[in-house]
Amino acid sequence: MEDKWFTVDEICKYLNVSNETIYKWIDQIGLPAHKVGRRWMFKREQVDHWVQSGDAALEEKKSPADTVHVE
């Protein structure tokens, strides 16, 4: 398997989403990405695993402080 790094533009085309969506997914739902200097880079196998695991379907990861408990 080729060990190629993808740029934001390449991963957008691969997943058929916008740049804005990619940055939102990195920040809010844990898209596996690596900061290299000022650029985000992606390993296709990590992104594929993330999508297949169902993590891509999460709307937003919430911290325990964001959780409301009703008693």
Protein backbone atom coordinates (compact mmCIF):
# COMPACT_ATOMS: atom_id res chain seq x y z
CA MET A 1 0.00 0.00 0.00
CA GLU A 2 1.26 3.46 -0.86
CA ASP A 3 2.22 5.57 2.15
CA LYS A 4 1.12 8.93 0.70
CA TRP A 5 0.13 12.02 2.67
CA PHE A 6 -2.95 13.89 1.47
CA THR A 7 -3.42 17.67 1.62
CA VAL A 8 -6.69 19.35 2.63
CA ASP A 9 -7.63 19.80 -1.04
CA GLU A 10 -6.92 16.16 -1.83
CA ILE A 11 -8.87 14.84 1.17
CA CYS A 12 -11.79 17.15 0.23
CA LYS A 13 -11.93 15.56 -3.21
CA TYR A 14 -11.54 12.07 -1.74
CA LEU A 15 -14.43 12.55 0.72
CA ASN A 16 -16.43 14.86 -1.59
CA VAL A 17 -16.78 17.62 1.01
CA SER A 18 -15.68 21.26 1.30
CA ASN A 19 -12.56 22.67 2.98
CA GLU A 20 -14.82 24.19 5.63
CA THR A 21 -16.23 20.75 6.45
CA ILE A 22 -12.74 19.25 6.78
CA TYR A 23 -11.62 21.94 9.23
CA LYS A 24 -14.88 21.56 11.19
CA TRP A 25 -14.41 17.77 11.37
CA ILE A 26 -10.82 18.18 12.61
CA ASP A 27 -11.92 20.58 15.33
CA GLN A 28 -15.27 19.10 16.35
CA ILE A 29 -15.38 15.37 15.67
CA GLY A 30 -11.81 14.17 15.55
CA LEU A 31 -10.95 13.68 11.89
CA PRO A 32 -7.45 12.16 12.07
CA ALA A 33 -5.10 14.87 10.83
CA HIS A 34 -1.49 15.87 11.40
CA LYS A 35 -0.22 19.44 11.47
CA VAL A 36 2.96 19.76 9.41
CA GLY A 37 4.17 23.32 9.76
CA ARG A 38 1.09 25.37 8.91
CA ARG A 39 -0.58 22.65 6.83
CA TRP A 40 -2.91 19.83 7.79
CA MET A 41 -1.98 16.46 6.30
CA PHE A 42 -3.89 13.19 6.24
CA LYS A 43 -3.15 9.47 5.86
CA ARG A 44 -5.84 7.86 3.71
CA GLU A 45 -5.86 4.65 5.74
CA GLN A 46 -6.48 6.61 8.96
CA VAL A 47 -9.30 8.59 7.35
CA ASP A 48 -10.82 5.39 5.92
CA HIS A 49 -10.71 3.75 9.36
CA TRP A 50 -12.30 6.85 10.94
CA VAL A 51 -15.16 6.79 8.42
CA GLN A 52 -15.69 3.01 8.72
CA SER A 53 -15.68 3.12 12.53
CA GLY A 54 -18.69 5.44 12.52
CA ASP A 55 -16.87 8.35 14.13
CA ALA A 56 -17.55 10.44 11.04
CA ALA A 57 -21.28 10.20 11.78
CA LEU A 58 -20.95 11.95 15.15
CA GLU A 59 -22.23 15.51 15.08
CA GLU A 60 -19.80 16.88 17.63
CA LYS A 61 -17.72 15.44 20.43
CA LYS A 62 -18.91 16.85 23.71
CA SER A 63 -16.78 17.36 26.76
CA PRO A 64 -18.18 16.31 30.16
CA ALA A 65 -18.71 20.01 30.96
CA ASP A 66 -21.08 20.27 27.98
CA THR A 67 -23.27 17.42 29.21
CA VAL A 68 -26.47 18.39 31.00
CA HIS A 69 -27.69 15.98 33.67
CA VAL A 70 -31.40 15.96 34.45
CA GLU A 71 -32.56 14.38 37.68
